[in-house]
């Protein structure tokens, strides 16, 4: 199975994270270095984008591992 592009999925992960925060009444969230995280994905620093990318990579690795067990 070919998985979608990591960058596109990372952006969707970020959007979902922001939606969850906003629904909880949170409209500002800062990283430890003070960077505002409640902004569109394209406005994040590469360091912060890596957080979402790493989440996607971990999920993809889990999918691939589980697919191997099903074979």
PDB file of N, CA and C in Angstrom:
ATOM      1  N   UNK A   1       0.845  -1.175   0.000  1.00  0.00           N
ATOM      2  CA  UNK A   1       0.000   0.000   0.000  1.00  0.00           C
ATOM      3  C   UNK A   1       0.889   1.237   0.000  1.00  0.00           C
ATOM      4  N   UNK A   2       0.621   2.152  -0.911  1.00  0.00           N
ATOM      5  CA  UNK A   2       1.373   3.406  -0.955  1.00  0.00           C
ATOM      6  C   UNK A   2       0.695   4.415  -0.039  1.00  0.00           C
ATOM      7  N   UNK A   3       1.443   4.921   0.907  1.00  0.00           N
ATOM      8  CA  UNK A   3       0.907   5.895   1.858  1.00  0.00           C
ATOM      9  C   UNK A   3       1.050   7.305   1.298  1.00  0.00           C
ATOM     10  N   UNK A   4       0.147   8.212   1.672  1.00  0.00           N
ATOM     11  CA  UNK A   4       0.211   9.594   1.176  1.00  0.00           C
ATOM     12  C   UNK A   4       1.498  10.303   1.591  1.00  0.00           C
ATOM     13  N   UNK A   5       1.816  11.359   0.871  1.00  0.00           N
ATOM     14  CA  UNK A   5       2.988  12.183   1.133  1.00  0.00           C
ATOM     15  C   UNK A   5       3.001  12.659   2.590  1.00  0.00           C
ATOM     16  N   UNK A   6       4.127  12.460   3.254  1.00  0.00           N
ATOM     17  CA  UNK A   6       4.255  12.813   4.673  1.00  0.00           C
ATOM     18  C   UNK A   6       3.931  14.288   4.917  1.00  0.00           C
ATOM     19  N   UNK A   7       4.404  15.157   4.056  1.00  0.00           N
ATOM     20  CA  UNK A   7       4.198  16.595   4.264  1.00  0.00           C
ATOM     21  C   UNK A   7       2.708  16.949   4.241  1.00  0.00           C
ATOM     22  N   UNK A   8       1.973  16.373   3.311  1.00  0.00           N
ATOM     23  CA  UNK A   8       0.534  16.658   3.218  1.00  0.00           C
ATOM     24  C   UNK A   8      -0.206  16.136   4.437  1.00  0.00           C
ATOM     25  N   UNK A   9       0.170  14.949   4.891  1.00  0.00           N
ATOM     26  CA  UNK A   9      -0.483  14.381   6.064  1.00  0.00           C
ATOM     27  C   UNK A   9      -0.094  15.164   7.320  1.00  0.00           C
ATOM     28  N   UNK A  10       1.148  15.596   7.412  1.00  0.00           N
ATOM     29  CA  UNK A  10       1.588  16.399   8.564  1.00  0.00           C
ATOM     30  C   UNK A  10       0.770  17.680   8.663  1.00  0.00           C
ATOM     31  N   UNK A  11       0.476  18.286   7.525  1.00  0.00           N
ATOM     32  CA  UNK A  11      -0.350  19.501   7.537  1.00  0.00           C
ATOM     33  C   UNK A  11      -1.759  19.189   8.049  1.00  0.00           C
ATOM     34  N   UNK A  12      -2.309  18.061   7.630  1.00  0.00           N
ATOM     35  CA  UNK A  12      -3.641  17.673   8.099  1.00  0.00           C
ATOM     36  C   UNK A  12      -3.627  17.354   9.594  1.00  0.00           C
ATOM     37  N   UNK A  13      -2.556  16.733  10.059  1.00  0.00           N
ATOM     38  CA  UNK A  13      -2.408  16.456  11.492  1.00  0.00           C
ATOM     39  C   UNK A  13      -2.394  17.762  12.274  1.00  0.00           C
ATOM     40  N   UNK A  14      -1.669  18.744  11.772  1.00  0.00           N
ATOM     41  CA  UNK A  14      -1.603  20.044  12.450  1.00  0.00           C
ATOM     42  C   UNK A  14      -2.984  20.706  12.479  1.00  0.00           C
ATOM     43  N   UNK A  15      -3.681  20.650  11.358  1.00  0.00           N
ATOM     44  CA  UNK A  15      -5.039  21.228  11.307  1.00  0.00           C
ATOM     45  C   UNK A  15      -5.953  20.549  12.325  1.00  0.00           C
ATOM     46  N   UNK A  16      -5.876  19.226  12.413  1.00  0.00           N
ATOM     47  CA  UNK A  16      -6.712  18.493  13.370  1.00  0.00           C
ATOM     48  C   UNK A  16      -6.352  18.861  14.803  1.00  0.00           C
ATOM     49  N   UNK A  17      -5.059  19.009  15.071  1.00  0.00           N
ATOM     50  CA  UNK A  17      -4.601  19.404  16.409  1.00  0.00           C
ATOM     51  C   UNK A  17      -5.168  20.785  16.769  1.00  0.00           C
ATOM     52  N   UNK A  18      -5.079  21.729  15.812  1.00  0.00           N
ATOM     53  CA  UNK A  18      -5.603  23.078  16.076  1.00  0.00           C
ATOM     54  C   UNK A  18      -7.117  23.045  16.296  1.00  0.00           C
ATOM     55  N   UNK A  19      -7.823  22.258  15.519  1.00  0.00           N
ATOM     56  CA  UNK A  19      -9.281  22.155  15.664  1.00  0.00           C
ATOM     57  C   UNK A  19      -9.644  21.645  17.048  1.00  0.00           C
ATOM     58  N   UNK A  20      -8.911  20.632  17.516  1.00  0.00           N
ATOM     59  CA  UNK A  20      -9.160  20.084  18.847  1.00  0.00           C
ATOM     60  C   UNK A  20      -8.913  21.133  19.920  1.00  0.00           C
ATOM     61  N   UNK A  21      -7.806  21.850  19.788  1.00  0.00           N
ATOM     62  CA  UNK A  21      -7.481  22.894  20.775  1.00  0.00           C
ATOM     63  C   UNK A  21      -8.541  23.991  20.776  1.00  0.00           C
ATOM     64  N   UNK A  22      -8.925  24.458  19.570  1.00  0.00           N
ATOM     65  CA  UNK A  22      -9.919  25.533  19.474  1.00  0.00           C
ATOM     66  C   UNK A  22     -11.261  25.099  20.043  1.00  0.00           C
ATOM     67  N   UNK A  23     -11.637  23.838  19.824  1.00  0.00           N
ATOM     68  CA  UNK A  23     -12.908  23.359  20.361  1.00  0.00           C
ATOM     69  C   UNK A  23     -12.877  23.282  21.884  1.00  0.00           C
ATOM     70  N   UNK A  24     -11.677  23.226  22.447  1.00  0.00           N
ATOM     71  CA  UNK A  24     -11.517  23.229  23.907  1.00  0.00           C
ATOM     72  C   UNK A  24     -11.348  24.651  24.446  1.00  0.00           C
ATOM     73  N   UNK A  25     -11.482  25.635  23.547  1.00  0.00           N
ATOM     74  CA  UNK A  25     -11.377  27.032  23.962  1.00  0.00           C
ATOM     75  C   UNK A  25      -9.961  27.566  24.001  1.00  0.00           C
ATOM     76  N   UNK A  26      -9.021  26.830  23.451  1.00  0.00           N
ATOM     77  CA  UNK A  26      -7.619  27.255  23.446  1.00  0.00           C
ATOM     78  C   UNK A  26      -7.330  27.913  22.096  1.00  0.00           C
ATOM     79  N   UNK A  27      -6.878  29.160  22.134  1.00  0.00           N
ATOM     80  CA  UNK A  27      -6.629  29.893  20.895  1.00  0.00           C
ATOM     81  C   UNK A  27      -5.183  30.334  20.743  1.00  0.00           C
ATOM     82  N   UNK A  28      -4.366  29.979  21.722  1.00  0.00           N
ATOM     83  CA  UNK A  28      -2.943  30.281  21.638  1.00  0.00           C
ATOM     84  C   UNK A  28      -2.196  29.166  22.347  1.00  0.00           C
ATOM     85  N   UNK A  29      -1.147  28.709  21.697  1.00  0.00           N
ATOM     86  CA  UNK A  29      -0.305  27.671  22.312  1.00  0.00           C
ATOM     87  C   UNK A  29       1.115  27.935  21.854  1.00  0.00           C
ATOM     88  N   UNK A  30       2.013  28.053  22.793  1.00  0.00           N
ATOM     89  CA  UNK A  30       3.395  28.367  22.453  1.00  0.00           C
ATOM     90  C   UNK A  30       4.310  27.176  22.729  1.00  0.00           C
ATOM     91  N   UNK A  31       5.311  27.030  21.874  1.00  0.00           N
ATOM     92  CA  UNK A  31       6.347  26.023  22.076  1.00  0.00           C
ATOM     93  C   UNK A  31       7.271  26.499  23.195  1.00  0.00           C
ATOM     94  N   UNK A  32       8.144  25.613  23.635  1.00  0.00           N
ATOM     95  CA  UNK A  32       9.073  25.978  24.703  1.00  0.00           C
ATOM     96  C   UNK A  32       9.931  27.186  24.336  1.00  0.00           C
ATOM     97  N   UNK A  33      10.226  27.348  23.042  1.00  0.00           N
ATOM     98  CA  UNK A  33      11.047  28.480  22.613  1.00  0.00           C
ATOM     99  C   UNK A  33      10.232  29.748  22.362  1.00  0.00           C
ATOM    100  N   UNK A  34       8.924  29.685  22.635  1.00  0.00           N
ATOM    101  CA  UNK A  34       8.069  30.859  22.504  1.00  0.00           C
ATOM    102  C   UNK A  34       7.351  30.973  21.169  1.00  0.00           C
ATOM    103  N   UNK A  35       7.626  30.062  20.248  1.00  0.00           N
ATOM    104  CA  UNK A  35       6.958  30.122  18.941  1.00  0.00           C
ATOM    105  C   UNK A  35       5.472  29.815  19.093  1.00  0.00           C
ATOM    106  N   UNK A  36       4.642  30.647  18.479  1.00  0.00           N
ATOM    107  CA  UNK A  36       3.197  30.401  18.474  1.00  0.00           C
ATOM    108  C   UNK A  36       2.903  29.216  17.555  1.00  0.00           C
ATOM    109  N   UNK A  37       2.157  28.245  18.081  1.00  0.00           N
ATOM    110  CA  UNK A  37       1.859  27.036  17.318  1.00  0.00           C
ATOM    111  C   UNK A  37       0.468  27.039  16.692  1.00  0.00           C
ATOM    112  N   UNK A  38      -0.390  27.924  17.155  1.00  0.00           N
ATOM    113  CA  UNK A  38      -1.757  27.986  16.637  1.00  0.00           C
ATOM    114  C   UNK A  38      -1.807  28.888  15.401  1.00  0.00           C
ATOM    115  N   UNK A  39      -1.048  28.486  14.415  1.00  0.00           N
ATOM    116  CA  UNK A  39      -0.977  29.201  13.129  1.00  0.00           C
ATOM    117  C   UNK A  39      -1.062  28.144  12.024  1.00  0.00           C
ATOM    118  N   UNK A  40      -1.374  28.567  10.805  1.00  0.00           N
ATOM    119  CA  UNK A  40      -1.375  27.600   9.708  1.00  0.00           C
ATOM    120  C   UNK A  40      -0.025  26.894   9.589  1.00  0.00           C
ATOM    121  N   UNK A  41      -0.074  25.649   9.150  1.00  0.00           N
ATOM    122  CA  UNK A  41       1.118  24.809   9.044  1.00  0.00           C
ATOM    123  C   UNK A  41       2.257  25.509   8.314  1.00  0.00           C
ATOM    124  N   UNK A  42       1.953  26.166   7.202  1.00  0.00           N
ATOM    125  CA  UNK A  42       3.015  26.797   6.400  1.00  0.00           C
ATOM    126  C   UNK A  42       3.727  27.923   7.138  1.00  0.00           C
ATOM    127  N   UNK A  43       3.141  28.417   8.220  1.00  0.00           N
ATOM    128  CA  UNK A  43       3.778  29.479   9.001  1.00  0.00           C
ATOM    129  C   UNK A  43       4.661  28.941  10.129  1.00  0.00           C
ATOM    130  N   UNK A  44       4.613  27.646  10.363  1.00  0.00           N
ATOM    131  CA  UNK A  44       5.453  27.061  11.412  1.00  0.00           C
ATOM    132  C   UNK A  44       6.918  27.023  10.985  1.00  0.00           C
ATOM    133  N   UNK A  45       7.801  27.046  11.957  1.00  0.00           N
ATOM    134  CA  UNK A  45       9.226  26.848  11.678  1.00  0.00           C
ATOM    135  C   UNK A  45       9.437  25.390  11.261  1.00  0.00           C
ATOM    136  N   UNK A  46      10.550  25.116  10.629  1.00  0.00           N
ATOM    137  CA  UNK A  46      10.865  23.741  10.235  1.00  0.00           C
ATOM    138  C   UNK A  46      10.939  22.844  11.470  1.00  0.00           C
ATOM    139  N   UNK A  47      11.453  23.380  12.571  1.00  0.00           N
ATOM    140  CA  UNK A  47      11.545  22.605  13.812  1.00  0.00           C
ATOM    141  C   UNK A  47      10.162  22.146  14.252  1.00  0.00           C
ATOM    142  N   UNK A  48       9.183  23.028  14.194  1.00  0.00           N
ATOM    143  CA  UNK A  48       7.833  22.668  14.621  1.00  0.00           C
ATOM    144  C   UNK A  48       7.134  21.776  13.600  1.00  0.00           C
ATOM    145  N   UNK A  49       7.398  21.997  12.325  1.00  0.00           N
ATOM    146  CA  UNK A  49       6.839  21.108  11.301  1.00  0.00           C
ATOM    147  C   UNK A  49       7.353  19.687  11.512  1.00  0.00           C
ATOM    148  N   UNK A  50       8.601  19.567  11.965  1.00  0.00           N
ATOM    149  CA  UNK A  50       9.176  18.247  12.214  1.00  0.00           C
ATOM    150  C   UNK A  50       8.396  17.478  13.282  1.00  0.00           C
ATOM    151  N   UNK A  51       7.798  18.178  14.214  1.00  0.00           N
ATOM    152  CA  UNK A  51       6.979  17.519  15.235  1.00  0.00           C
ATOM    153  C   UNK A  51       5.825  16.777  14.570  1.00  0.00           C
ATOM    154  N   UNK A  52       5.128  17.452  13.640  1.00  0.00           N
ATOM    155  CA  UNK A  52       4.026  16.816  12.928  1.00  0.00           C
ATOM    156  C   UNK A  52       4.530  15.734  11.979  1.00  0.00           C
ATOM    157  N   UNK A  53       5.638  16.000  11.294  1.00  0.00           N
ATOM    158  CA  UNK A  53       6.211  14.994  10.384  1.00  0.00           C
ATOM    159  C   UNK A  53       6.576  13.728  11.146  1.00  0.00           C
ATOM    160  N   UNK A  54       7.173  13.888  12.319  1.00  0.00           N
ATOM    161  CA  UNK A  54       7.591  12.727  13.112  1.00  0.00           C
ATOM    162  C   UNK A  54       6.389  11.917  13.591  1.00  0.00           C
ATOM    163  N   UNK A  55       5.283  12.589  13.883  1.00  0.00           N
ATOM    164  CA  UNK A  55       4.054  11.891  14.241  1.00  0.00           C
ATOM    165  C   UNK A  55       3.589  11.022  13.077  1.00  0.00           C
ATOM    166  N   UNK A  56       3.577  11.606  11.893  1.00  0.00           N
ATOM    167  CA  UNK A  56       3.151  10.863  10.697  1.00  0.00           C
ATOM    168  C   UNK A  56       4.096   9.690  10.436  1.00  0.00           C
ATOM    169  N   UNK A  57       5.398   9.926  10.543  1.00  0.00           N
ATOM    170  CA  UNK A  57       6.367   8.856  10.312  1.00  0.00           C
ATOM    171  C   UNK A  57       6.154   7.703  11.288  1.00  0.00           C
ATOM    172  N   UNK A  58       5.869   8.018  12.547  1.00  0.00           N
ATOM    173  CA  UNK A  58       5.644   6.972  13.548  1.00  0.00           C
ATOM    174  C   UNK A  58       4.397   6.162  13.208  1.00  0.00           C
ATOM    175  N   UNK A  59       3.349   6.838  12.764  1.00  0.00           N
ATOM    176  CA  UNK A  59       2.129   6.132  12.377  1.00  0.00           C
ATOM    177  C   UNK A  59       2.390   5.267  11.153  1.00  0.00           C
ATOM    178  N   UNK A  60       3.108   5.800  10.168  1.00  0.00           N
ATOM    179  CA  UNK A  60       3.430   5.025   8.967  1.00  0.00           C
ATOM    180  C   UNK A  60       4.253   3.784   9.313  1.00  0.00           C
ATOM    181  N   UNK A  61       5.214   3.929  10.223  1.00  0.00           N
ATOM    182  CA  UNK A  61       6.026   2.784  10.647  1.00  0.00           C
ATOM    183  C   UNK A  61       5.157   1.723  11.321  1.00  0.00           C
ATOM    184  N   UNK A  62       4.197   2.176  12.128  1.00  0.00           N
ATOM    185  CA  UNK A  62       3.295   1.234  12.798  1.00  0.00           C
ATOM    186  C   UNK A  62       2.428   0.510  11.775  1.00  0.00           C
ATOM    187  N   UNK A  63       1.924   1.226  10.778  1.00  0.00           N
ATOM    188  CA  UNK A  63       1.107   0.610   9.728  1.00  0.00           C
ATOM    189  C   UNK A  63       1.926  -0.434   8.982  1.00  0.00           C
ATOM    190  N   UNK A  64       3.149  -0.061   8.591  1.00  0.00           N
ATOM    191  CA  UNK A  64       3.997  -0.985   7.851  1.00  0.00           C
ATOM    192  C   UNK A  64       4.336  -2.225   8.678  1.00  0.00           C
ATOM    193  N   UNK A  65       4.587  -2.027   9.964  1.00  0.00           N
ATOM    194  CA  UNK A  65       4.892  -3.153  10.852  1.00  0.00           C
ATOM    195  C   UNK A  65       3.686  -4.083  10.958  1.00  0.00           C
ATOM    196  N   UNK A  66       2.511  -3.526  11.128  1.00  0.00           N
ATOM    197  CA  UNK A  66       1.304  -4.344  11.253  1.00  0.00           C
ATOM    198  C   UNK A  66       0.960  -5.035   9.930  1.00  0.00           C
ATOM    199  N   UNK A  67       1.221  -4.382   8.822  1.00  0.00           N
ATOM    200  CA  UNK A  67       0.974  -5.013   7.519  1.00  0.00           C
ATOM    201  C   UNK A  67       1.884  -6.213   7.339  1.00  0.00           C
ATOM    202  N   UNK A  68       3.098  -6.122   7.816  1.00  0.00           N
ATOM    203  CA  UNK A  68       4.025  -7.233   7.724  1.00  0.00           C
ATOM    204  C   UNK A  68       3.578  -8.440   8.518  1.00  0.00           C
ATOM    205  N   UNK A  69       2.896  -8.194   9.641  1.00  0.00           N
ATOM    206  CA  UNK A  69       2.402  -9.279  10.471  1.00  0.00           C
ATOM    207  C   UNK A  69       1.192  -9.961   9.856  1.00  0.00           C
ATOM    208  N   UNK A  70       0.454  -9.234   9.018  1.00  0.00           N
ATOM    209  CA  UNK A  70      -0.752  -9.783   8.402  1.00  0.00           C
ATOM    210  C   UNK A  70      -0.426 -10.674   7.217  1.00  0.00           C
ATOM    211  N   UNK A  71       0.780 -10.545   6.677  1.00  0.00           N
ATOM    212  CA  UNK A  71       1.143 -11.320   5.476  1.00  0.00           C
ATOM    213  C   UNK A  71       1.383 -12.771   5.779  1.00  0.00           C
TER     214      UNK A  71
END
